[in-house]
Amino acid sequence: MLRFAELALFLAPFAAYLVWYLTASRGGPSPGLLAISAGALVILAAALIWFAMQEKLGPGQVYVPAQLQGGRIIPGHAAAHP
């Protein structure tokens, strides 16, 4: 899966250039496409900021990974530093 992500990140600029090249020869992208793309980027940025704020541990907390105790899975959680 990591190799797929690396490959996708490597190929993304080439795909963006190809899209630009194909649309530029026809007079450029339509205003609707530009608006949708800008909206998608704003939503992506907002989602990344929200996710970063939700997953932050407080001061003095450490992450305790998921554990198997007595046949039950205890989910990962934050705990005070011992």
PDB file of N, CA and C in Angstrom:
ATOM      1  N   MET A   1       0.820  -1.189   0.000  1.00  0.00           N
ATOM      2  CA  MET A   1       0.000   0.000   0.000  1.00  0.00           C
ATOM      3  C   MET A   1       0.865   1.254   0.000  1.00  0.00           C
ATOM      4  N   LEU A   2       1.997   1.202   0.709  1.00  0.00           N
ATOM      5  CA  LEU A   2       2.886   2.354   0.756  1.00  0.00           C
ATOM      6  C   LEU A   2       3.469   2.637  -0.620  1.00  0.00           C
ATOM      7  N   ARG A   3       3.808   1.585  -1.348  1.00  0.00           N
ATOM      8  CA  ARG A   3       4.348   1.781  -2.698  1.00  0.00           C
ATOM      9  C   ARG A   3       3.306   2.420  -3.604  1.00  0.00           C
ATOM     10  N   PHE A   4       2.040   2.038  -3.437  1.00  0.00           N
ATOM     11  CA  PHE A   4       0.978   2.636  -4.247  1.00  0.00           C
ATOM     12  C   PHE A   4       0.866   4.125  -3.947  1.00  0.00           C
ATOM     13  N   ALA A   5       0.932   4.485  -2.679  1.00  0.00           N
ATOM     14  CA  ALA A   5       0.848   5.897  -2.299  1.00  0.00           C
ATOM     15  C   ALA A   5       2.040   6.675  -2.848  1.00  0.00           C
ATOM     16  N   GLU A   6       3.235   6.093  -2.758  1.00  0.00           N
ATOM     17  CA  GLU A   6       4.417   6.757  -3.298  1.00  0.00           C
ATOM     18  C   GLU A   6       4.300   6.936  -4.804  1.00  0.00           C
ATOM     19  N   LEU A   7       3.814   5.916  -5.480  1.00  0.00           N
ATOM     20  CA  LEU A   7       3.647   5.997  -6.928  1.00  0.00           C
ATOM     21  C   LEU A   7       2.601   7.045  -7.294  1.00  0.00           C
ATOM     22  N   ALA A   8       1.502   7.089  -6.555  1.00  0.00           N
ATOM     23  CA  ALA A   8       0.455   8.077  -6.828  1.00  0.00           C
ATOM     24  C   ALA A   8       0.976   9.493  -6.600  1.00  0.00           C
ATOM     25  N   LEU A   9       1.738   9.705  -5.534  1.00  0.00           N
ATOM     26  CA  LEU A   9       2.308  11.029  -5.284  1.00  0.00           C
ATOM     27  C   LEU A   9       3.324  11.408  -6.353  1.00  0.00           C
ATOM     28  N   PHE A  10       4.064  10.443  -6.857  1.00  0.00           N
ATOM     29  CA  PHE A  10       5.027  10.713  -7.921  1.00  0.00           C
ATOM     30  C   PHE A  10       4.326  11.074  -9.221  1.00  0.00           C
ATOM     31  N   LEU A  11       3.239  10.377  -9.545  1.00  0.00           N
ATOM     32  CA  LEU A  11       2.557  10.583 -10.821  1.00  0.00           C
ATOM     33  C   LEU A  11       1.577  11.759 -10.811  1.00  0.00           C
ATOM     34  N   ALA A  12       1.197  12.251  -9.652  1.00  0.00           N
ATOM     35  CA  ALA A  12       0.202  13.329  -9.570  1.00  0.00           C
ATOM     36  C   ALA A  12       0.595  14.582 -10.351  1.00  0.00           C
ATOM     37  N   PRO A  13       1.830  15.080 -10.263  1.00  0.00           N
ATOM     38  CA  PRO A  13       2.166  16.275 -11.048  1.00  0.00           C
ATOM     39  C   PRO A  13       2.090  16.034 -12.555  1.00  0.00           C
ATOM     40  N   PHE A  14       2.463  14.845 -12.994  1.00  0.00           N
ATOM     41  CA  PHE A  14       2.394  14.538 -14.422  1.00  0.00           C
ATOM     42  C   PHE A  14       0.945  14.485 -14.895  1.00  0.00           C
ATOM     43  N   ALA A  15       0.076  13.930 -14.067  1.00  0.00           N
ATOM     44  CA  ALA A  15      -1.346  13.888 -14.420  1.00  0.00           C
ATOM     45  C   ALA A  15      -1.932  15.299 -14.446  1.00  0.00           C
ATOM     46  N   ALA A  16      -1.541  16.136 -13.490  1.00  0.00           N
ATOM     47  CA  ALA A  16      -2.026  17.521 -13.475  1.00  0.00           C
ATOM     48  C   ALA A  16      -1.544  18.272 -14.708  1.00  0.00           C
ATOM     49  N   TYR A  17      -0.298  18.053 -15.101  1.00  0.00           N
ATOM     50  CA  TYR A  17       0.217  18.699 -16.311  1.00  0.00           C
ATOM     51  C   TYR A  17      -0.533  18.216 -17.538  1.00  0.00           C
ATOM     52  N   LEU A  18      -0.829  16.933 -17.621  1.00  0.00           N
ATOM     53  CA  LEU A  18      -1.565  16.397 -18.768  1.00  0.00           C
ATOM     54  C   LEU A  18      -2.956  17.017 -18.852  1.00  0.00           C
ATOM     55  N   VAL A  19      -3.633  17.140 -17.726  1.00  0.00           N
ATOM     56  CA  VAL A  19      -4.960  17.767 -17.715  1.00  0.00           C
ATOM     57  C   VAL A  19      -4.850  19.220 -18.160  1.00  0.00           C
ATOM     58  N   TRP A  20      -3.853  19.936 -17.636  1.00  0.00           N
ATOM     59  CA  TRP A  20      -3.664  21.328 -18.042  1.00  0.00           C
ATOM     60  C   TRP A  20      -3.369  21.425 -19.537  1.00  0.00           C
ATOM     61  N   TYR A  21      -2.506  20.566 -20.042  1.00  0.00           N
ATOM     62  CA  TYR A  21      -2.126  20.593 -21.455  1.00  0.00           C
ATOM     63  C   TYR A  21      -3.332  20.333 -22.354  1.00  0.00           C
ATOM     64  N   LEU A  22      -4.155  19.368 -21.977  1.00  0.00           N
ATOM     65  CA  LEU A  22      -5.323  19.040 -22.796  1.00  0.00           C
ATOM     66  C   LEU A  22      -6.375  20.143 -22.751  1.00  0.00           C
ATOM     67  N   THR A  23      -6.560  20.775 -21.595  1.00  0.00           N
ATOM     68  CA  THR A  23      -7.572  21.832 -21.508  1.00  0.00           C
ATOM     69  C   THR A  23      -7.060  23.154 -22.067  1.00  0.00           C
ATOM     70  N   ALA A  24      -5.764  23.422 -21.991  1.00  0.00           N
ATOM     71  CA  ALA A  24      -5.211  24.679 -22.504  1.00  0.00           C
ATOM     72  C   ALA A  24      -5.321  24.746 -24.019  1.00  0.00           C
ATOM     73  N   SER A  25      -5.216  23.618 -24.685  1.00  0.00           N
ATOM     74  CA  SER A  25      -5.309  23.620 -26.146  1.00  0.00           C
ATOM     75  C   SER A  25      -6.728  23.938 -26.607  1.00  0.00           C
ATOM     76  N   ARG A  26      -7.703  23.800 -25.735  1.00  0.00           N
ATOM     77  CA  ARG A  26      -9.106  24.083 -26.076  1.00  0.00           C
ATOM     78  C   ARG A  26      -9.591  25.397 -25.472  1.00  0.00           C
ATOM     79  N   GLY A  27      -8.693  26.259 -25.073  1.00  0.00           N
ATOM     80  CA  GLY A  27      -9.103  27.551 -24.526  1.00  0.00           C
ATOM     81  C   GLY A  27      -9.101  27.598 -23.012  1.00  0.00           C
ATOM     82  N   GLY A  28      -8.620  26.595 -22.365  1.00  0.00           N
ATOM     83  CA  GLY A  28      -8.544  26.591 -20.906  1.00  0.00           C
ATOM     84  C   GLY A  28      -9.737  25.912 -20.271  1.00  0.00           C
ATOM     85  N   PRO A  29      -9.624  25.649 -18.979  1.00  0.00           N
ATOM     86  CA  PRO A  29     -10.732  24.998 -18.275  1.00  0.00           C
ATOM     87  C   PRO A  29     -11.923  25.942 -18.122  1.00  0.00           C
ATOM     88  N   SER A  30     -13.082  25.374 -18.012  1.00  0.00           N
ATOM     89  CA  SER A  30     -14.297  26.181 -17.870  1.00  0.00           C
ATOM     90  C   SER A  30     -14.346  26.811 -16.476  1.00  0.00           C
ATOM     91  N   PRO A  31     -15.051  27.929 -16.337  1.00  0.00           N
ATOM     92  CA  PRO A  31     -15.173  28.556 -15.013  1.00  0.00           C
ATOM     93  C   PRO A  31     -15.823  27.627 -13.986  1.00  0.00           C
ATOM     94  N   GLY A  32     -16.743  26.787 -14.427  1.00  0.00           N
ATOM     95  CA  GLY A  32     -17.369  25.840 -13.502  1.00  0.00           C
ATOM     96  C   GLY A  32     -16.369  24.838 -12.959  1.00  0.00           C
ATOM     97  N   LEU A  33     -15.498  24.341 -13.827  1.00  0.00           N
ATOM     98  CA  LEU A  33     -14.476  23.392 -13.391  1.00  0.00           C
ATOM     99  C   LEU A  33     -13.513  24.052 -12.413  1.00  0.00           C
ATOM    100  N   LEU A  34     -13.141  25.288 -12.686  1.00  0.00           N
ATOM    101  CA  LEU A  34     -12.257  26.008 -11.762  1.00  0.00           C
ATOM    102  C   LEU A  34     -12.923  26.226 -10.407  1.00  0.00           C
ATOM    103  N   ALA A  35     -14.212  26.551 -10.405  1.00  0.00           N
ATOM    104  CA  ALA A  35     -14.933  26.766  -9.148  1.00  0.00           C
ATOM    105  C   ALA A  35     -15.038  25.470  -8.348  1.00  0.00           C
ATOM    106  N   ILE A  36     -15.341  24.376  -9.025  1.00  0.00           N
ATOM    107  CA  ILE A  36     -15.433  23.082  -8.342  1.00  0.00           C
ATOM    108  C   ILE A  36     -14.076  22.677  -7.781  1.00  0.00           C
ATOM    109  N   SER A  37     -13.010  22.888  -8.553  1.00  0.00           N
ATOM    110  CA  SER A  37     -11.664  22.547  -8.083  1.00  0.00           C
ATOM    111  C   SER A  37     -11.275  23.385  -6.871  1.00  0.00           C
ATOM    112  N   ALA A  38     -11.573  24.686  -6.918  1.00  0.00           N
ATOM    113  CA  ALA A  38     -11.255  25.555  -5.783  1.00  0.00           C
ATOM    114  C   ALA A  38     -12.055  25.142  -4.549  1.00  0.00           C
ATOM    115  N   GLY A  39     -13.324  24.816  -4.741  1.00  0.00           N
ATOM    116  CA  GLY A  39     -14.148  24.360  -3.617  1.00  0.00           C
ATOM    117  C   GLY A  39     -13.626  23.066  -3.016  1.00  0.00           C
ATOM    118  N   ALA A  40     -13.193  22.149  -3.872  1.00  0.00           N
ATOM    119  CA  ALA A  40     -12.646  20.881  -3.385  1.00  0.00           C
ATOM    120  C   ALA A  40     -11.368  21.112  -2.586  1.00  0.00           C
ATOM    121  N   LEU A  41     -10.525  22.034  -3.033  1.00  0.00           N
ATOM    122  CA  LEU A  41      -9.298  22.332  -2.295  1.00  0.00           C
ATOM    123  C   LEU A  41      -9.591  22.973  -0.942  1.00  0.00           C
ATOM    124  N   VAL A  42     -10.591  23.833  -0.887  1.00  0.00           N
ATOM    125  CA  VAL A  42     -10.975  24.456   0.388  1.00  0.00           C
ATOM    126  C   VAL A  42     -11.508  23.398   1.353  1.00  0.00           C
ATOM    127  N   ILE A  43     -12.347  22.501   0.854  1.00  0.00           N
ATOM    128  CA  ILE A  43     -12.887  21.429   1.702  1.00  0.00           C
ATOM    129  C   ILE A  43     -11.769  20.514   2.183  1.00  0.00           C
ATOM    130  N   LEU A  44     -10.821  20.185   1.311  1.00  0.00           N
ATOM    131  CA  LEU A  44      -9.692  19.341   1.694  1.00  0.00           C
ATOM    132  C   LEU A  44      -8.864  20.012   2.785  1.00  0.00           C
ATOM    133  N   ALA A  45      -8.557  21.291   2.617  1.00  0.00           N
ATOM    134  CA  ALA A  45      -7.770  22.008   3.621  1.00  0.00           C
ATOM    135  C   ALA A  45      -8.509  22.059   4.956  1.00  0.00           C
ATOM    136  N   ALA A  46      -9.806  22.333   4.918  1.00  0.00           N
ATOM    137  CA  ALA A  46     -10.590  22.379   6.156  1.00  0.00           C
ATOM    138  C   ALA A  46     -10.623  21.012   6.839  1.00  0.00           C
ATOM    139  N   ALA A  47     -10.762  19.952   6.063  1.00  0.00           N
ATOM    140  CA  ALA A  47     -10.790  18.604   6.636  1.00  0.00           C
ATOM    141  C   ALA A  47      -9.446  18.248   7.263  1.00  0.00           C
ATOM    142  N   LEU A  48      -8.354  18.622   6.616  1.00  0.00           N
ATOM    143  CA  LEU A  48      -7.033  18.331   7.176  1.00  0.00           C
ATOM    144  C   LEU A  48      -6.794  19.100   8.473  1.00  0.00           C
ATOM    145  N   ILE A  49      -7.210  20.349   8.508  1.00  0.00           N
ATOM    146  CA  ILE A  49      -7.057  21.140   9.733  1.00  0.00           C
ATOM    147  C   ILE A  49      -7.914  20.554  10.853  1.00  0.00           C
ATOM    148  N   TRP A  50      -9.157  20.201  10.548  1.00  0.00           N
ATOM    149  CA  TRP A  50     -10.048  19.618  11.556  1.00  0.00           C
ATOM    150  C   TRP A  50      -9.476  18.302  12.083  1.00  0.00           C
ATOM    151  N   PHE A  51      -8.999  17.445  11.181  1.00  0.00           N
ATOM    152  CA  PHE A  51      -8.451  16.156  11.598  1.00  0.00           C
ATOM    153  C   PHE A  51      -7.221  16.348  12.477  1.00  0.00           C
ATOM    154  N   ALA A  52      -6.368  17.294  12.130  1.00  0.00           N
ATOM    155  CA  ALA A  52      -5.171  17.547  12.936  1.00  0.00           C
ATOM    156  C   ALA A  52      -5.544  18.026  14.333  1.00  0.00           C
ATOM    157  N   MET A  53      -6.587  18.823  14.437  1.00  0.00           N
ATOM    158  CA  MET A  53      -6.989  19.329  15.747  1.00  0.00           C
ATOM    159  C   MET A  53      -7.685  18.254  16.572  1.00  0.00           C
ATOM    160  N   GLN A  54      -8.401  17.347  15.953  1.00  0.00           N
ATOM    161  CA  GLN A  54      -9.127  16.298  16.669  1.00  0.00           C
ATOM    162  C   GLN A  54      -8.184  15.233  17.216  1.00  0.00           C
ATOM    163  N   GLU A  55      -7.106  14.964  16.532  1.00  0.00           N
ATOM    164  CA  GLU A  55      -6.232  13.861  16.907  1.00  0.00           C
ATOM    165  C   GLU A  55      -5.062  14.282  17.793  1.00  0.00           C
ATOM    166  N   LYS A  56      -5.034  15.519  18.216  1.00  0.00           N
ATOM    167  CA  LYS A  56      -3.918  16.016  19.004  1.00  0.00           C
ATOM    168  C   LYS A  56      -4.046  15.549  20.452  1.00  0.00           C
ATOM    169  N   LEU A  57      -2.942  15.068  21.011  1.00  0.00           N
ATOM    170  CA  LEU A  57      -2.913  14.689  22.421  1.00  0.00           C
ATOM    171  C   LEU A  57      -2.619  15.925  23.257  1.00  0.00           C
ATOM    172  N   GLY A  58      -3.181  15.954  24.437  1.00  0.00           N
ATOM    173  CA  GLY A  58      -2.951  17.072  25.337  1.00  0.00           C
ATOM    174  C   GLY A  58      -1.561  17.010  25.951  1.00  0.00           C
ATOM    175  N   PRO A  59      -1.163  18.075  26.646  1.00  0.00           N
ATOM    176  CA  PRO A  59       0.146  18.075  27.292  1.00  0.00           C
ATOM    177  C   PRO A  59       0.214  16.996  28.371  1.00  0.00           C
ATOM    178  N   GLY A  60       1.318  16.288  28.413  1.00  0.00           N
ATOM    179  CA  GLY A  60       1.509  15.250  29.416  1.00  0.00           C
ATOM    180  C   GLY A  60       0.793  13.951  29.114  1.00  0.00           C
ATOM    181  N   GLN A  61       0.241  13.804  27.913  1.00  0.00           N
ATOM    182  CA  GLN A  61      -0.445  12.569  27.545  1.00  0.00           C
ATOM    183  C   GLN A  61       0.399  11.773  26.556  1.00  0.00           C
ATOM    184  N   VAL A  62       0.261  10.466  26.635  1.00  0.00           N
ATOM    185  CA  VAL A  62       0.926   9.567  25.696  1.00  0.00           C
ATOM    186  C   VAL A  62      -0.126   8.654  25.081  1.00  0.00           C
ATOM    187  N   TYR A  63       0.169   8.141  23.886  1.00  0.00           N
ATOM    188  CA  TYR A  63      -0.752   7.227  23.215  1.00  0.00           C
ATOM    189  C   TYR A  63      -0.512   5.813  23.724  1.00  0.00           C
ATOM    190  N   VAL A  64      -1.578   5.149  24.121  1.00  0.00           N
ATOM    191  CA  VAL A  64      -1.522   3.749  24.540  1.00  0.00           C
ATOM    192  C   VAL A  64      -2.157   2.935  23.416  1.00  0.00           C
ATOM    193  N   PRO A  65      -1.388   2.072  22.737  1.00  0.00           N
ATOM    194  CA  PRO A  65      -1.941   1.330  21.609  1.00  0.00           C
ATOM    195  C   PRO A  65      -3.002   0.322  22.045  1.00  0.00           C
ATOM    196  N   ALA A  66      -3.768  -0.145  21.073  1.00  0.00           N
ATOM    197  CA  ALA A  66      -4.808  -1.145  21.347  1.00  0.00           C
ATOM    198  C   ALA A  66      -4.175  -2.399  21.942  1.00  0.00           C
ATOM    199  N   GLN A  67      -4.913  -3.040  22.855  1.00  0.00           N
ATOM    200  CA  GLN A  67      -4.401  -4.230  23.535  1.00  0.00           C
ATOM    201  C   GLN A  67      -5.479  -5.299  23.569  1.00  0.00           C
ATOM    202  N   LEU A  68      -5.037  -6.531  23.671  1.00  0.00           N
ATOM    203  CA  LEU A  68      -5.942  -7.665  23.818  1.00  0.00           C
ATOM    204  C   LEU A  68      -5.837  -8.139  25.264  1.00  0.00           C
ATOM    205  N   GLN A  69      -6.912  -7.937  26.048  1.00  0.00           N
ATOM    206  CA  GLN A  69      -6.911  -8.331  27.455  1.00  0.00           C
ATOM    207  C   GLN A  69      -8.141  -9.180  27.729  1.00  0.00           C
ATOM    208  N   GLY A  70      -7.925 -10.396  28.165  1.00  0.00           N
ATOM    209  CA  GLY A  70      -9.031 -11.286  28.518  1.00  0.00           C
ATOM    210  C   GLY A  70      -9.953 -11.575  27.343  1.00  0.00           C
ATOM    211  N   GLY A  71      -9.409 -11.639  26.137  1.00  0.00           N
ATOM    212  CA  GLY A  71     -10.221 -11.933  24.965  1.00  0.00           C
ATOM    213  C   GLY A  71     -10.979 -10.736  24.420  1.00  0.00           C
ATOM    214  N   ARG A  72     -10.784  -9.567  25.006  1.00  0.00           N
ATOM    215  CA  ARG A  72     -11.454  -8.348  24.526  1.00  0.00           C
ATOM    216  C   ARG A  72     -10.407  -7.371  24.008  1.00  0.00           C
ATOM    217  N   ILE A  73     -10.758  -6.644  22.973  1.00  0.00           N
ATOM    218  CA  ILE A  73      -9.857  -5.640  22.419  1.00  0.00           C
ATOM    219  C   ILE A  73     -10.136  -4.310  23.103  1.00  0.00           C
ATOM    220  N   ILE A  74      -9.113  -3.776  23.727  1.00  0.00           N
ATOM    221  CA  ILE A  74      -9.191  -2.453  24.343  1.00  0.00           C
ATOM    222  C   ILE A  74      -8.649  -1.470  23.299  1.00  0.00           C
ATOM    223  N   PRO A  75      -9.475  -0.540  22.807  1.00  0.00           N
ATOM    224  CA  PRO A  75      -9.006   0.371  21.766  1.00  0.00           C
ATOM    225  C   PRO A  75      -7.869   1.268  22.250  1.00  0.00           C
ATOM    226  N   GLY A  76      -7.085   1.757  21.305  1.00  0.00           N
ATOM    227  CA  GLY A  76      -6.027   2.698  21.635  1.00  0.00           C
ATOM    228  C   GLY A  76      -6.617   3.983  22.190  1.00  0.00           C
ATOM    229  N   HIS A  77      -5.891   4.607  23.117  1.00  0.00           N
ATOM    230  CA  HIS A  77      -6.397   5.819  23.751  1.00  0.00           C
ATOM    231  C   HIS A  77      -5.236   6.638  24.298  1.00  0.00           C
ATOM    232  N   ALA A  78      -5.542   7.845  24.734  1.00  0.00           N
ATOM    233  CA  ALA A  78      -4.550   8.707  25.368  1.00  0.00           C
ATOM    234  C   ALA A  78      -4.614   8.495  26.874  1.00  0.00           C
ATOM    235  N   ALA A  79      -3.460   8.515  27.511  1.00  0.00           N
ATOM    236  CA  ALA A  79      -3.386   8.354  28.965  1.00  0.00           C
ATOM    237  C   ALA A  79      -2.333   9.318  29.505  1.00  0.00           C
ATOM    238  N   ALA A  80      -2.433   9.610  30.786  1.00  0.00           N
ATOM    239  CA  ALA A  80      -1.452  10.481  31.425  1.00  0.00           C
ATOM    240  C   ALA A  80      -0.092   9.797  31.431  1.00  0.00           C
ATOM    241  N   HIS A  81       0.943  10.590  31.256  1.00  0.00           N
ATOM    242  CA  HIS A  81       2.306  10.051  31.253  1.00  0.00           C
ATOM    243  C   HIS A  81       2.641   9.522  32.646  1.00  0.00           C
ATOM    244  N   PRO A  82       3.091   8.260  32.721  1.00  0.00           N
ATOM    245  CA  PRO A  82       3.358   7.668  34.050  1.00  0.00           C
ATOM    246  C   PRO A  82       4.519   8.298  34.774  1.00  0.00           C
TER     247      PRO A  82
END
